[in-house]
Amino acid sequence: MKVFGERLKELRLESKLTTKALGKKVGVSDTTICRWELNQCEAKAPEIVKLAQLFKVSTDYLLGVED
């Protein structure tokens, strides 16, 4: 899910959020955010939904299904 990590990092930086701040909003650690951005692990569905709601994008956009 390479697209997910790239889009997550892009959205986080556009929102001027640190990995720690984003982690608090989603309920995960800053290390987990870093691992998602580096595509070292995958987010679970509930976390993807939270991220999509936070950044006001679709889950399909985050997952690379649509642009």
C-alpha atoms as a PDB file:
ATOM      1  CA  MET A   1       0.000   0.000   0.000  1.00  0.00           C
ATOM      2  CA  LYS A   2       2.724   2.431  -1.032  1.00  0.00           C
ATOM      3  CA  VAL A   3       0.258   5.131  -2.041  1.00  0.00           C
ATOM      4  CA  PHE A   4      -1.263   5.219   1.450  1.00  0.00           C
ATOM      5  CA  GLY A   5       1.993   6.183   3.154  1.00  0.00           C
ATOM      6  CA  GLU A   6       2.798   8.869   0.616  1.00  0.00           C
ATOM      7  CA  ARG A   7      -0.671  10.402   0.786  1.00  0.00           C
ATOM      8  CA  LEU A   8      -0.771  10.260   4.560  1.00  0.00           C
ATOM      9  CA  LYS A   9       2.535  12.090   4.864  1.00  0.00           C
ATOM     10  CA  GLU A  10       1.484  14.674   2.277  1.00  0.00           C
ATOM     11  CA  LEU A  11      -1.804  15.355   4.083  1.00  0.00           C
ATOM     12  CA  ARG A  12      -0.086  15.510   7.466  1.00  0.00           C
ATOM     13  CA  LEU A  13       2.491  18.030   6.254  1.00  0.00           C
ATOM     14  CA  GLU A  14      -0.151  20.144   4.480  1.00  0.00           C
ATOM     15  CA  SER A  15      -2.044  20.267   7.779  1.00  0.00           C
ATOM     16  CA  LYS A  16       1.167  21.210   9.630  1.00  0.00           C
ATOM     17  CA  LEU A  17       0.798  18.298  12.024  1.00  0.00           C
ATOM     18  CA  THR A  18       3.651  16.417  13.645  1.00  0.00           C
ATOM     19  CA  THR A  19       3.556  12.637  13.752  1.00  0.00           C
ATOM     20  CA  LYS A  20       2.922  12.932  17.504  1.00  0.00           C
ATOM     21  CA  ALA A  21      -0.013  15.342  17.055  1.00  0.00           C
ATOM     22  CA  LEU A  22      -1.579  13.175  14.344  1.00  0.00           C
ATOM     23  CA  GLY A  23      -1.100  10.066  16.441  1.00  0.00           C
ATOM     24  CA  LYS A  24      -2.984  11.678  19.332  1.00  0.00           C
ATOM     25  CA  LYS A  25      -5.876  12.598  17.035  1.00  0.00           C
ATOM     26  CA  VAL A  26      -6.096   9.052  15.643  1.00  0.00           C
ATOM     27  CA  GLY A  27      -5.323   7.212  18.876  1.00  0.00           C
ATOM     28  CA  VAL A  28      -1.996   5.660  17.904  1.00  0.00           C
ATOM     29  CA  SER A  29       1.654   6.406  18.675  1.00  0.00           C
ATOM     30  CA  ASP A  30       3.882   8.689  16.630  1.00  0.00           C
ATOM     31  CA  THR A  31       5.951   5.600  15.822  1.00  0.00           C
ATOM     32  CA  THR A  32       2.896   3.998  14.234  1.00  0.00           C
ATOM     33  CA  ILE A  33       2.312   7.101  12.090  1.00  0.00           C
ATOM     34  CA  CYS A  34       5.956   6.958  10.958  1.00  0.00           C
ATOM     35  CA  ARG A  35       5.658   3.266  10.127  1.00  0.00           C
ATOM     36  CA  TRP A  36       2.511   3.916   8.071  1.00  0.00           C
ATOM     37  CA  GLU A  37       4.226   6.738   6.178  1.00  0.00           C
ATOM     38  CA  LEU A  38       7.240   4.530   5.476  1.00  0.00           C
ATOM     39  CA  ASN A  39       4.969   1.647   4.435  1.00  0.00           C
ATOM     40  CA  GLN A  40       6.426  -0.603   7.118  1.00  0.00           C
ATOM     41  CA  CYS A  41       2.974  -1.624   8.324  1.00  0.00           C
ATOM     42  CA  GLU A  42      -0.631  -1.092   7.307  1.00  0.00           C
ATOM     43  CA  ALA A  43      -3.349   0.824   9.101  1.00  0.00           C
ATOM     44  CA  LYS A  44      -6.524  -0.999  10.051  1.00  0.00           C
ATOM     45  CA  ALA A  45      -9.908  -0.004   8.633  1.00  0.00           C
ATOM     46  CA  PRO A  46     -11.117   2.029  11.660  1.00  0.00           C
ATOM     47  CA  GLU A  47      -7.887   4.038  11.636  1.00  0.00           C
ATOM     48  CA  ILE A  48      -8.163   4.692   7.897  1.00  0.00           C
ATOM     49  CA  VAL A  49     -11.705   5.982   8.415  1.00  0.00           C
ATOM     50  CA  LYS A  50     -10.516   8.315  11.222  1.00  0.00           C
ATOM     51  CA  LEU A  51      -7.730   9.650   8.989  1.00  0.00           C
ATOM     52  CA  ALA A  52     -10.107  10.219   6.086  1.00  0.00           C
ATOM     53  CA  GLN A  53     -12.531  12.112   8.321  1.00  0.00           C
ATOM     54  CA  LEU A  54      -9.744  14.172   9.868  1.00  0.00           C
ATOM     55  CA  PHE A  55      -8.279  15.212   6.503  1.00  0.00           C
ATOM     56  CA  LYS A  56     -11.693  15.465   4.799  1.00  0.00           C
ATOM     57  CA  VAL A  57     -10.782  13.014   2.031  1.00  0.00           C
ATOM     58  CA  SER A  58     -12.297   9.692   1.038  1.00  0.00           C
ATOM     59  CA  THR A  59     -10.893   6.382   2.194  1.00  0.00           C
ATOM     60  CA  ASP A  60     -10.524   5.529  -1.492  1.00  0.00           C
ATOM     61  CA  TYR A  61      -8.250   8.549  -1.919  1.00  0.00           C
ATOM     62  CA  LEU A  62      -6.093   7.498   1.035  1.00  0.00           C
ATOM     63  CA  LEU A  63      -5.838   3.969  -0.298  1.00  0.00           C
ATOM     64  CA  GLY A  64      -4.956   5.080  -3.815  1.00  0.00           C
ATOM     65  CA  VAL A  65      -8.155   3.823  -5.430  1.00  0.00           C
ATOM     66  CA  GLU A  66      -9.027   7.323  -6.690  1.00  0.00           C
ATOM     67  CA  ASP A  67      -7.208  10.620  -7.159  1.00  0.00           C
END
